[in-house]
Protein backbone atom coordinates (compact mmCIF):
# COMPACT_ATOMS: atom_id res chain seq x y z
CA UNK A 1 0.00 0.00 0.00
CA UNK A 2 1.32 3.45 -0.90
CA UNK A 3 0.57 4.97 2.49
CA UNK A 4 2.74 2.42 4.30
CA UNK A 5 5.54 2.81 1.77
CA UNK A 6 5.41 6.59 2.13
CA UNK A 7 5.42 6.27 5.90
CA UNK A 8 8.53 4.10 5.75
CA UNK A 9 10.30 6.37 3.26
CA UNK A 10 9.56 9.59 5.14
CA UNK A 11 10.48 8.04 8.48
CA UNK A 12 13.77 6.84 7.02
CA UNK A 13 14.55 10.30 5.61
CA UNK A 14 13.81 11.98 8.92
CA UNK A 15 15.82 9.51 10.99
CA UNK A 16 18.77 9.18 8.59
CA UNK A 17 19.30 12.59 6.96
CA UNK A 18 22.94 11.84 6.12
CA UNK A 19 22.39 8.39 4.64
CA UNK A 20 23.81 7.53 1.24
CA UNK A 21 20.31 6.24 0.36
CA UNK A 22 18.52 9.54 1.02
CA UNK A 23 18.34 10.69 -2.61
CA UNK A 24 16.89 7.35 -3.72
CA UNK A 25 14.26 7.51 -0.96
CA UNK A 26 13.31 11.10 -1.81
CA UNK A 27 13.02 10.18 -5.48
CA UNK A 28 10.57 7.42 -4.59
CA UNK A 29 8.56 9.85 -2.41
CA UNK A 30 8.26 12.11 -5.47
CA UNK A 31 7.21 9.19 -7.69
CA UNK A 32 4.51 8.15 -5.22
CA UNK A 33 3.29 11.75 -5.06
CA UNK A 34 2.95 11.73 -8.83
CA UNK A 35 0.95 8.49 -8.70
CA UNK A 36 -1.31 9.92 -6.00
CA UNK A 37 -1.85 13.12 -7.93
CA UNK A 38 -2.71 11.27 -11.13
CA UNK A 39 -5.20 9.09 -9.27
CA UNK A 40 -6.84 11.66 -7.02
CA UNK A 41 -5.56 15.15 -7.71
CA UNK A 42 -4.41 17.63 -5.12
CA UNK A 43 -6.96 16.30 -2.62
CA UNK A 44 -5.15 12.98 -2.59
CA UNK A 45 -1.83 14.70 -1.91
CA UNK A 46 -3.29 16.76 0.92
CA UNK A 47 -5.11 13.83 2.51
CA UNK A 48 -2.14 11.49 2.33
CA UNK A 49 0.27 14.06 3.70
CA UNK A 50 -2.07 15.04 6.55
CA UNK A 51 -2.47 11.40 7.56
CA UNK A 52 1.24 10.64 7.30
CA UNK A 53 2.26 13.76 9.17
CA UNK A 54 0.08 12.84 12.13
CA UNK A 55 1.35 9.26 12.22
CA UNK A 56 5.01 10.23 11.93
CA UNK A 57 4.78 12.88 14.62
CA UNK A 58 3.06 10.36 16.89
CA UNK A 59 5.51 7.55 16.19
CA UNK A 60 8.92 9.25 16.04
CA UNK A 61 8.17 12.80 17.21
CA UNK A 62 9.62 14.38 14.07
CA UNK A 63 7.76 16.68 11.69
CA UNK A 64 7.84 15.59 8.03
CA UNK A 65 6.63 18.99 6.78
CA UNK A 66 9.92 19.78 4.96
CA UNK A 67 9.38 16.69 2.80
CA UNK A 68 6.21 18.23 1.32
CA UNK A 69 8.39 20.20 -1.07
CA UNK A 70 9.31 16.95 -2.83
CA UNK A 71 5.86 17.13 -4.45
CA UNK A 72 6.36 20.69 -5.73
CA UNK A 73 6.03 20.78 -9.49
CA UNK A 74 3.42 18.03 -9.70
CA UNK A 75 0.74 20.72 -9.93
CA UNK A 76 0.68 24.50 -9.75
CA UNK A 77 -1.63 24.20 -6.74
CA UNK A 78 1.03 22.55 -4.52
CA UNK A 79 3.48 25.21 -3.25
CA UNK A 80 5.67 24.17 -0.35
């Protein structure tokens, strides 16, 4: 499921910011964002990010908000 994959990817990026794998993980986050947008538009992006943000903050006490910018450029409506 995309939500679980995104959760894992974002959690990894937040916990391992200096990892050699970080660019690969961020690329996959962008690809998933594109899939979400194509399937459900900006509402899908907003809903997924809201849900993931709450879970990540609860689970690891880190805010994934800076990762929102990885979806910039998918639509002119997404500006972070």
